Amino acid sequence: MILLVSTASAVGPQTRRGHRRTKPAKSGNLKGRLGQIARQKQAMQAQLHATRVKAKVVQHDLHTINVRLADVQERLQETKHDLGNAREQQAQVTADLAKTTEELGRVRTQAKLRLRAMAKQGNANLLVAFVGSKSVSDLAERKDLMERIAHRDHDLFERVKTLQAQVAAKKKQKDSLVVQVSSLVRRQSNQQNELAVVQAEKGEALQGLKQEARELEGQLRQIEQDERQVRRLIELAARRARIHHTTVPKFAGTYMRPVDAPITSGFGMRFHPILHYSRPHNGIDFGARYGTPVRCAAPGRVIAATTMRGFGNVVIVDHGGGVTTVYAHLSHISVRSGQSLTQGQNLGNVGKSGLATGPHLHFEMHIDGVPVDPRARL
């Protein structure tokens, strides 16, 4: 339900014939209606504040989930890489082990044959070498031959020992790689399960964020409705002033800043951080503290001092010559509709009523009903 208060008309008492007669709205009527909707406004503000808080929580949760998701994906990728390397190394060690084992078999066979031959011969080779020698030099040659044979036997048996050690080491390495691969496979499975859980959490968070986005879109539509309502109030006030010849004299001086605070958001297109699209911002925002007095920017007459769902407590002032100013999200309104104001006169206090994430003053300036950037005239 949209609660908008207009100064267009007020319902008068019934005549005796049961017909209603209308008359121009009075400031007292508008002020009286403010009290009637105060409780509804407070409930609505509490609900909207809860929605904004929930949206921030969902955004934070989604960011946390994205960080976790990236971490799990990175660790899973590292595990896959390590597993691939381990399996390649395992295959290489297996091939090397088979090759070394085959070579060990051949060398062992040679060693066994040599041992059998040596066992049968005993010292016969040495005796034959002496008996068959015709000279000292011939004996020397045969002795050298025997030493070479001895060296060859030694190398053969050393090769057997070396290959046996290599086979034992490669078997141990192979067993270690089997354990490593098994561990990496378990780690990969656990990380894949963790990834699935985090992805499911992200899906739920995205659903929540989409729901919050739909609610925020509804709030933004309410702001747009309020903006249209402001324009209608301005047009109605101008029309009534012309009809009743009560036009406000045009202010020709310099407009003052409504509050002494920095501008936190300018006029023009503004990107929404949750909905991820741009929409026009028809005024400027002053980052003033809660309760800061708000001054009237120039002499004028109050068109409306009312409450809207988007703008919250809002005051609209006519300064003559088609120029009007709007003061929104007030915590308190100090003026009434139809009241004449001087420049600098207090008209309310900074607040966060309506659709506001925190205390600030939303200030607009309209010329002939069209929003313009106020900074050029302050």
Protein backbone atom coordinates (compact mmCIF):
# COMPACT_ATOMS: atom_id res chain seq x y z
CA MET A 1 0.00 0.00 0.00
CA ILE A 2 1.40 3.40 -1.01
CA LEU A 3 0.82 6.22 1.46
CA LEU A 4 1.08 9.57 -0.29
CA VAL A 5 -0.28 12.82 1.09
CA SER A 6 -1.24 15.46 -1.41
CA THR A 7 -2.31 19.07 -1.01
CA ALA A 8 -4.52 18.68 -4.05
CA SER A 9 -7.77 18.47 -2.15
CA ALA A 10 -9.33 17.58 1.16
CA VAL A 11 -12.67 15.94 1.76
CA GLY A 12 -15.18 18.24 3.38
CA PRO A 13 -18.12 17.29 5.59
CA GLN A 14 -21.26 15.78 4.06
CA THR A 15 -24.26 17.96 3.36
CA ARG A 16 -27.69 16.99 4.59
CA ARG A 17 -28.46 15.46 1.18
CA GLY A 18 -25.55 13.06 1.53
CA HIS A 19 -23.37 14.77 -1.10
CA ARG A 20 -19.74 15.75 -0.45
CA ARG A 21 -18.47 19.20 -1.24
CA THR A 22 -14.78 19.85 -1.80
CA LYS A 23 -12.73 22.82 -0.80
CA PRO A 24 -9.05 23.72 -1.10
CA ALA A 25 -6.75 21.87 1.25
CA LYS A 26 -5.75 23.67 4.40
CA SER A 27 -2.46 23.31 6.21
CA GLY A 28 -4.30 21.99 9.27
CA ASN A 29 -5.85 19.16 7.24
CA LEU A 30 -2.47 18.05 5.94
CA LYS A 31 -0.87 18.27 9.36
CA GLY A 32 -3.72 16.25 10.86
CA ARG A 33 -3.28 13.47 8.32
CA LEU A 34 0.42 13.22 9.22
CA GLY A 35 -0.54 12.04 12.70
CA GLN A 36 -2.86 9.37 11.28
CA ILE A 37 -0.15 7.72 9.21
CA ALA A 38 2.69 8.06 11.73
CA ARG A 39 2.29 4.56 13.14
CA GLN A 40 2.00 3.03 9.66
CA LYS A 41 5.11 4.93 8.58
CA GLN A 42 7.12 3.70 11.55
CA ALA A 43 6.16 0.07 10.86
CA MET A 44 7.04 0.47 7.19
CA GLN A 45 10.39 2.07 8.01
CA ALA A 46 11.26 -0.77 10.37
CA GLN A 47 10.42 -3.33 7.70
CA LEU A 48 12.43 -1.53 5.03
CA HIS A 49 15.39 -1.14 7.38
CA ALA A 50 15.29 -4.89 8.06
CA THR A 51 15.24 -5.55 4.32
CA ARG A 52 18.30 -3.35 3.75
CA VAL A 53 20.17 -5.04 6.60
CA LYS A 54 19.26 -8.46 5.25
CA ALA A 55 20.45 -7.51 1.77
CA LYS A 56 23.81 -6.39 3.18
CA VAL A 57 24.14 -9.66 5.10
CA VAL A 58 23.37 -11.68 1.97
CA GLN A 59 25.91 -9.66 -0.01
CA HIS A 60 28.54 -10.28 2.67
CA ASP A 61 27.71 -13.99 2.78
CA LEU A 62 27.95 -14.23 -1.00
CA HIS A 63 31.33 -12.50 -0.97
CA THR A 64 32.56 -14.90 1.74
CA ILE A 65 31.28 -17.88 -0.25
CA ASN A 66 33.00 -16.63 -3.42
CA VAL A 67 36.30 -16.37 -1.52
CA ARG A 68 35.86 -19.91 -0.16
CA LEU A 69 34.87 -21.17 -3.60
CA ALA A 70 37.99 -19.69 -5.19
CA ASP A 71 40.13 -21.20 -2.43
CA VAL A 72 38.63 -24.68 -2.82
CA GLN A 73 38.94 -24.52 -6.62
CA GLU A 74 42.58 -23.47 -6.33
CA ARG A 75 43.39 -26.26 -3.85
CA LEU A 76 41.53 -28.78 -6.02
CA GLN A 77 43.50 -27.67 -9.06
CA GLU A 78 46.77 -28.05 -7.12
CA THR A 79 45.73 -31.53 -5.99
CA LYS A 80 44.89 -32.55 -9.57
CA HIS A 81 48.29 -31.26 -10.69
CA ASP A 82 50.10 -33.11 -7.88
CA LEU A 83 48.11 -36.26 -8.60
CA GLY A 84 49.01 -36.10 -12.28
CA ASN A 85 52.69 -35.67 -11.46
CA ALA A 86 52.59 -38.50 -8.92
CA ARG A 87 50.96 -40.86 -11.41
CA GLU A 88 53.48 -39.94 -14.11
CA GLN A 89 56.32 -40.54 -11.65
CA GLN A 90 54.68 -43.78 -10.58
CA ALA A 91 54.52 -44.98 -14.17
CA GLN A 92 58.15 -43.99 -14.77
CA VAL A 93 59.35 -45.76 -11.59
CA THR A 94 57.36 -48.87 -12.55
CA ALA A 95 58.99 -48.92 -16.00
CA ASP A 96 62.46 -48.32 -14.52
CA LEU A 97 61.89 -51.05 -11.94
CA ALA A 98 60.89 -53.54 -14.65
CA LYS A 99 63.93 -52.62 -16.73
CA THR A 100 66.32 -52.82 -13.76
CA THR A 101 64.77 -56.11 -12.58
CA GLU A 102 65.20 -57.57 -16.07
CA GLU A 103 68.83 -56.48 -16.18
CA LEU A 104 69.41 -57.87 -12.68
CA GLY A 105 68.06 -61.22 -13.85
CA ARG A 106 70.51 -61.36 -16.72
CA VAL A 107 73.49 -60.34 -14.59
CA ARG A 108 72.53 -62.81 -11.87
CA THR A 109 72.43 -65.59 -14.45
CA GLN A 110 75.88 -64.59 -15.65
CA ALA A 111 77.16 -64.46 -12.07
CA LYS A 112 75.75 -67.91 -11.28
CA LEU A 113 77.41 -69.41 -14.35
CA ARG A 114 80.69 -67.77 -13.47
CA LEU A 115 80.50 -69.01 -9.90
CA ARG A 116 79.87 -72.59 -11.10
CA ALA A 117 82.82 -72.36 -13.52
CA MET A 118 85.10 -71.02 -10.82
CA ALA A 119 83.99 -73.74 -8.42
CA LYS A 120 84.81 -76.47 -10.95
CA GLN A 121 88.16 -74.95 -11.95
CA GLY A 122 89.43 -74.14 -8.47
CA ASN A 123 93.13 -73.02 -9.03
CA ALA A 124 93.50 -74.94 -12.30
CA ASN A 125 93.71 -71.81 -14.41
CA LEU A 126 96.67 -70.56 -12.44
CA LEU A 127 98.48 -73.94 -12.64
CA VAL A 128 97.96 -74.20 -16.39
CA ALA A 129 99.26 -70.70 -16.78
CA PHE A 130 102.58 -71.68 -15.06
CA VAL A 131 102.99 -75.07 -16.76
CA GLY A 132 102.25 -73.82 -20.22
CA SER A 133 104.61 -70.86 -19.98
CA LYS A 134 107.65 -71.13 -22.22
CA SER A 135 109.33 -68.04 -20.83
CA VAL A 136 109.14 -65.47 -18.07
CA SER A 137 107.60 -63.00 -20.44
CA ASP A 138 104.99 -65.55 -21.50
CA LEU A 139 104.19 -66.17 -17.83
CA ALA A 140 103.87 -62.46 -17.25
CA GLU A 141 101.38 -62.20 -20.08
CA ARG A 142 99.34 -65.11 -18.72
CA LYS A 143 99.38 -63.51 -15.21
CA ASP A 144 98.04 -60.27 -16.65
CA LEU A 145 95.31 -62.30 -18.34
CA MET A 146 94.36 -63.85 -15.01
CA GLU A 147 94.22 -60.42 -13.34
CA ARG A 148 91.91 -59.16 -16.07
CA ILE A 149 89.71 -62.19 -15.58
CA ALA A 150 89.63 -61.49 -11.86
CA HIS A 151 88.70 -57.85 -12.44
CA ARG A 152 85.92 -58.87 -14.80
CA ASP A 153 84.53 -61.27 -12.20
CA HIS A 154 84.72 -58.52 -9.58
CA ASP A 155 82.87 -56.06 -11.82
CA LEU A 156 80.24 -58.68 -12.54
CA PHE A 157 79.52 -59.34 -8.88
CA GLU A 158 79.59 -55.59 -8.06
CA ARG A 159 77.06 -55.01 -10.83
CA VAL A 160 74.79 -57.61 -9.22
CA LYS A 161 75.04 -55.82 -5.87
CA THR A 162 74.37 -52.42 -7.49
CA LEU A 163 71.31 -53.66 -9.40
CA GLN A 164 69.93 -55.35 -6.30
CA ALA A 165 70.20 -52.06 -4.37
CA GLN A 166 68.56 -50.17 -7.24
CA VAL A 167 65.68 -52.64 -7.41
CA ALA A 168 65.14 -52.41 -3.65
CA ALA A 169 65.18 -48.57 -3.77
CA LYS A 170 62.77 -48.42 -6.71
CA LYS A 171 60.38 -50.84 -4.99
CA LYS A 172 60.45 -48.65 -1.92
CA GLN A 173 59.87 -45.56 -4.10
CA LYS A 174 57.02 -47.32 -5.88
CA ASP A 175 55.36 -48.24 -2.57
CA SER A 176 55.72 -44.65 -1.38
CA LEU A 177 54.14 -43.36 -4.60
CA VAL A 178 51.24 -45.78 -4.18
CA VAL A 179 50.56 -44.30 -0.74
CA GLN A 180 50.98 -40.75 -2.08
CA VAL A 181 48.60 -41.32 -5.00
CA SER A 182 46.03 -42.91 -2.67
CA SER A 183 46.26 -39.89 -0.34
CA LEU A 184 45.91 -37.44 -3.24
CA VAL A 185 42.87 -39.33 -4.56
CA ARG A 186 41.19 -39.08 -1.13
CA ARG A 187 42.10 -35.39 -0.90
CA GLN A 188 40.69 -34.79 -4.39
CA SER A 189 37.44 -36.53 -3.47
CA ASN A 190 37.10 -34.49 -0.26
CA GLN A 191 37.80 -31.24 -2.11
CA GLN A 192 35.26 -32.12 -4.81
CA ASN A 193 32.66 -32.73 -2.09
CA GLU A 194 33.59 -29.44 -0.41
CA LEU A 195 33.32 -27.67 -3.76
CA ALA A 196 29.85 -29.11 -4.30
CA VAL A 197 28.75 -27.92 -0.83
CA VAL A 198 30.10 -24.39 -1.39
CA GLN A 199 28.51 -24.21 -4.84
CA ALA A 200 25.17 -25.21 -3.30
CA GLU A 201 25.59 -22.51 -0.63
CA LYS A 202 26.36 -19.98 -3.35
CA GLY A 203 23.21 -21.01 -5.19
CA GLU A 204 21.14 -20.45 -2.07
CA ALA A 205 22.83 -17.09 -1.44
CA LEU A 206 22.18 -16.02 -5.01
CA GLN A 207 18.53 -16.94 -4.62
CA GLY A 208 18.41 -14.84 -1.46
CA LEU A 209 20.14 -11.96 -3.22
CA LYS A 210 17.68 -12.16 -6.11
CA GLN A 211 14.84 -11.96 -3.61
CA GLU A 212 16.42 -8.92 -1.96
CA ALA A 213 16.96 -7.41 -5.40
CA ARG A 214 13.26 -7.81 -6.18
CA GLU A 215 12.40 -6.09 -2.91
CA LEU A 216 14.88 -3.29 -3.59
CA GLU A 217 13.47 -2.86 -7.08
CA GLY A 218 10.10 -2.38 -5.44
CA GLN A 219 11.59 0.23 -3.14
CA LEU A 220 13.16 2.05 -6.07
CA ARG A 221 9.82 2.04 -7.84
CA GLN A 222 8.38 3.63 -4.69
CA ILE A 223 11.06 6.35 -4.89
CA GLU A 224 10.06 6.97 -8.50
CA GLN A 225 6.43 7.21 -7.46
CA ASP A 226 7.40 9.72 -4.78
CA GLU A 227 9.31 11.74 -7.37
CA ARG A 228 6.23 11.81 -9.58
CA GLN A 229 4.15 12.80 -6.55
CA VAL A 230 6.53 15.69 -5.82
CA ARG A 231 6.17 16.93 -9.38
CA ARG A 232 2.39 16.67 -9.15
CA LEU A 233 2.40 18.66 -5.89
CA ILE A 234 4.58 21.33 -7.50
CA GLU A 235 2.33 21.53 -10.57
CA LEU A 236 -0.79 21.65 -8.41
CA ALA A 237 0.63 24.40 -6.21
CA ALA A 238 1.57 26.46 -9.26
CA ARG A 239 -1.88 26.00 -10.78
CA ARG A 240 -3.64 26.98 -7.56
CA ALA A 241 -1.38 30.02 -7.13
CA ARG A 242 -2.29 31.22 -10.62
CA ILE A 243 -5.99 30.68 -10.02
CA HIS A 244 -6.00 32.43 -6.63
CA HIS A 245 -3.40 35.03 -7.58
CA THR A 246 -1.16 34.04 -4.69
CA THR A 247 2.06 33.54 -6.60
CA VAL A 248 5.22 33.65 -4.48
CA PRO A 249 7.54 36.54 -5.47
CA LYS A 250 10.57 35.31 -7.39
CA PHE A 251 13.74 35.06 -5.30
CA ALA A 252 16.61 36.75 -7.13
CA GLY A 253 19.36 36.22 -4.57
CA THR A 254 21.81 33.39 -3.91
CA TYR A 255 20.51 30.10 -2.54
CA MET A 256 22.23 28.85 0.61
CA ARG A 257 23.27 25.31 1.47
CA PRO A 258 20.54 23.69 3.58
CA VAL A 259 23.12 22.07 5.90
CA ASP A 260 26.84 22.51 6.56
CA ALA A 261 27.95 19.03 5.49
CA PRO A 262 29.84 17.42 2.60
CA ILE A 263 28.02 16.21 -0.50
CA THR A 264 28.14 12.41 -0.49
CA SER A 265 26.19 11.76 -3.69
CA GLY A 266 25.84 14.06 -6.67
CA PHE A 267 23.15 14.80 -9.22
CA GLY A 268 22.71 12.54 -12.25
CA MET A 269 22.95 8.84 -13.07
CA ARG A 270 23.93 6.63 -10.13
CA PHE A 271 24.93 2.93 -10.20
CA HIS A 272 23.08 0.68 -7.77
CA PRO A 273 25.53 -1.72 -6.03
CA ILE A 274 23.03 -4.58 -5.60
CA LEU A 275 20.78 -4.23 -8.64
CA HIS A 276 23.75 -3.42 -10.91
CA TYR A 277 22.08 -0.83 -13.09
CA SER A 278 22.08 2.95 -13.21
CA ARG A 279 19.16 5.22 -12.47
CA PRO A 280 18.86 9.01 -12.23
CA HIS A 281 19.52 10.67 -8.88
CA ASN A 282 17.40 13.83 -9.07
CA GLY A 283 19.15 15.67 -6.26
CA ILE A 284 22.24 15.72 -4.10
CA ASP A 285 22.85 14.07 -0.73
CA PHE A 286 24.47 15.83 2.22
CA GLY A 287 26.19 13.51 4.69
CA ALA A 288 25.01 15.32 7.80
CA ARG A 289 24.59 13.79 11.26
CA TYR A 290 21.24 12.67 12.57
CA GLY A 291 19.28 15.60 14.02
CA THR A 292 21.27 18.34 12.23
CA PRO A 293 18.97 21.36 11.66
CA VAL A 294 17.91 21.81 8.02
CA ARG A 295 17.66 25.40 6.73
CA CYS A 296 15.43 26.73 4.00
CA ALA A 297 17.67 27.55 1.03
CA ALA A 298 15.74 30.75 0.14
CA PRO A 299 12.59 32.65 1.10
CA GLY A 300 9.42 30.86 0.02
CA ARG A 301 6.21 29.16 0.93
CA VAL A 302 5.74 25.52 1.94
CA ILE A 303 3.91 23.55 -0.74
CA ALA A 304 3.83 20.35 1.32
CA ALA A 305 5.12 19.13 4.66
CA THR A 306 4.22 15.47 4.52
CA THR A 307 5.35 11.85 4.60
CA MET A 308 6.03 9.57 1.64
CA ARG A 309 7.13 5.92 1.62
CA GLY A 310 10.31 6.57 -0.32
CA PHE A 311 11.30 10.09 0.77
CA GLY A 312 10.04 9.66 4.32
CA ASN A 313 9.41 13.03 6.00
CA VAL A 314 9.66 15.59 3.20
CA VAL A 315 9.20 19.35 2.83
CA ILE A 316 8.65 21.07 -0.53
CA VAL A 317 9.11 24.85 -0.76
CA ASP A 318 8.07 27.24 -3.55
CA HIS A 319 10.56 30.11 -4.09
CA GLY A 320 8.71 31.81 -6.94
CA GLY A 321 9.64 32.03 -10.60
CA GLY A 322 9.03 28.28 -11.06
CA VAL A 323 11.80 27.33 -8.59
CA THR A 324 11.06 24.80 -5.84
CA THR A 325 13.26 22.89 -3.42
CA VAL A 326 12.75 19.47 -1.81
CA TYR A 327 14.14 18.30 1.57
CA ALA A 328 13.74 14.54 2.14
CA HIS A 329 14.42 11.81 4.77
CA LEU A 330 13.93 14.28 7.65
CA SER A 331 13.68 12.96 11.18
CA HIS A 332 11.36 15.80 12.15
CA ILE A 333 9.32 18.45 10.31
CA SER A 334 9.13 21.89 11.92
CA VAL A 335 6.87 23.65 9.39
CA ARG A 336 3.40 23.21 7.99
CA SER A 337 1.91 23.37 4.53
CA GLY A 338 1.19 26.94 3.39
CA GLN A 339 3.65 28.49 5.85
CA SER A 340 5.91 31.30 4.61
CA LEU A 341 9.60 30.84 5.34
CA THR A 342 12.59 33.14 5.37
CA GLN A 343 16.00 32.18 4.06
CA GLY A 344 17.86 30.09 6.65
CA GLN A 345 14.73 29.32 8.68
CA ASN A 346 14.72 25.85 10.23
CA LEU A 347 12.24 23.52 8.56
CA GLY A 348 13.23 20.20 10.12
CA ASN A 349 16.14 17.95 11.06
CA VAL A 350 18.31 15.46 9.23
CA GLY A 351 17.16 11.84 9.59
CA LYS A 352 16.88 8.55 7.76
CA SER A 353 13.12 8.22 7.31
CA GLY A 354 11.78 6.45 4.25
CA LEU A 355 14.15 4.48 2.04
CA ALA A 356 17.48 5.63 3.45
CA THR A 357 20.51 3.53 4.40
CA GLY A 358 21.64 6.10 6.97
CA PRO A 359 21.19 9.69 8.16
CA HIS A 360 21.51 12.21 5.33
CA LEU A 361 19.63 15.04 3.64
CA HIS A 362 18.37 14.44 0.12
CA PHE A 363 18.03 17.91 -1.46
CA GLU A 364 16.42 18.64 -4.83
CA MET A 365 15.86 21.77 -6.88
CA HIS A 366 13.21 21.97 -9.62
CA ILE A 367 12.72 24.65 -12.25
CA ASP A 368 9.27 24.55 -13.81
CA GLY A 369 8.88 21.04 -12.44
CA VAL A 370 12.12 19.68 -13.95
CA PRO A 371 14.91 18.51 -11.58
CA VAL A 372 18.21 20.39 -12.01
CA ASP A 373 21.61 20.13 -10.32
CA PRO A 374 21.38 22.35 -7.20
CA ARG A 375 25.15 22.81 -6.91
CA ALA A 376 25.19 25.36 -9.72
CA ARG A 377 22.88 27.65 -7.67
CA LEU A 378 24.19 27.21 -4.12
